[in-house]
């Protein structure tokens, strides 16, 4: 398993590969591979989407993805 931390200044639902998978600012567990991540509405953040390859992570060293409020 791999680990991802999606950062945003408020708690918001995280959509990974088109499915709701958890909340921002919490470590999420995913399969190794290519993923796309966005946040639930409202669409007041940038970028609209992150695409990345997830590998070689751990619970204490997850991949970090950040969204900024606009």
Protein backbone atom coordinates (compact mmCIF):
# COMPACT_ATOMS: atom_id res chain seq x y z
CA UNK A 1 0.00 0.00 0.00
CA UNK A 2 0.94 3.62 -0.55
CA UNK A 3 0.06 6.77 1.37
CA UNK A 4 -1.16 10.22 0.32
CA UNK A 5 -1.75 13.44 2.24
CA UNK A 6 -3.95 16.00 0.48
CA UNK A 7 -3.49 19.44 2.04
CA UNK A 8 -6.11 22.20 1.95
CA UNK A 9 -6.80 25.02 4.39
CA UNK A 10 -10.17 23.53 5.38
CA UNK A 11 -11.68 20.07 5.69
CA UNK A 12 -12.98 18.95 2.29
CA UNK A 13 -13.81 15.65 0.65
CA UNK A 14 -11.06 14.18 -1.53
CA UNK A 15 -11.95 12.56 -4.86
CA UNK A 16 -9.36 10.07 -6.12
CA UNK A 17 -9.81 8.53 -9.57
CA UNK A 18 -13.44 9.68 -9.59
CA UNK A 19 -14.37 8.19 -6.19
CA UNK A 20 -14.72 9.91 -2.80
CA UNK A 21 -11.87 8.48 -0.72
CA UNK A 22 -11.61 10.54 2.46
CA UNK A 23 -10.94 14.03 3.73
CA UNK A 24 -8.20 16.61 3.30
CA UNK A 25 -5.43 16.85 5.88
CA UNK A 26 -5.62 13.13 6.72
CA UNK A 27 -3.31 10.39 5.45
CA UNK A 28 -5.12 8.20 2.91
CA UNK A 29 -4.14 4.66 1.90
CA UNK A 30 -4.07 3.82 -1.83
CA UNK A 31 -2.74 1.27 -4.28
CA UNK A 32 0.60 1.88 -6.00
CA UNK A 33 0.20 3.48 -9.42
CA UNK A 34 -1.06 6.50 -11.33
CA UNK A 35 -3.86 8.51 -9.72
CA UNK A 36 -5.79 11.75 -10.21
CA UNK A 37 -6.98 13.82 -7.26
CA UNK A 38 -9.41 16.70 -6.90
CA UNK A 39 -11.61 18.09 -4.14
CA UNK A 40 -15.37 18.11 -3.64
CA UNK A 41 -17.36 21.29 -4.44
CA UNK A 42 -17.38 24.21 -4.17
CA UNK A 43 -14.79 24.71 -6.90
CA UNK A 44 -12.91 27.44 -5.03
CA UNK A 45 -9.44 25.88 -5.27
CA UNK A 46 -6.51 25.56 -7.63
CA UNK A 47 -5.33 23.52 -9.44
CA UNK A 48 -8.50 21.74 -10.49
CA UNK A 49 -6.73 18.37 -10.63
CA UNK A 50 -3.42 16.74 -9.66
CA UNK A 51 -2.19 13.70 -11.62
CA UNK A 52 0.75 11.74 -10.21
CA UNK A 53 2.40 8.35 -9.73
CA UNK A 54 2.20 7.05 -6.17
CA UNK A 55 5.06 4.80 -5.04
CA UNK A 56 7.71 4.44 -2.35
CA UNK A 57 5.66 6.12 0.39
CA UNK A 58 4.98 5.22 4.01
CA UNK A 59 2.55 6.24 6.71
CA UNK A 60 5.18 8.56 8.20
CA UNK A 61 6.35 9.81 4.79
CA UNK A 62 3.30 10.08 2.51
CA UNK A 63 3.22 11.84 -0.86
CA UNK A 64 1.91 15.37 -0.24
CA UNK A 65 -0.47 17.07 -2.68
CA UNK A 66 -1.59 20.65 -1.99
CA UNK A 67 -4.56 22.69 -3.19
CA UNK A 68 -4.85 26.45 -2.63
CA UNK A 69 -8.09 28.30 -1.97
CA UNK A 70 -8.97 31.02 -4.50
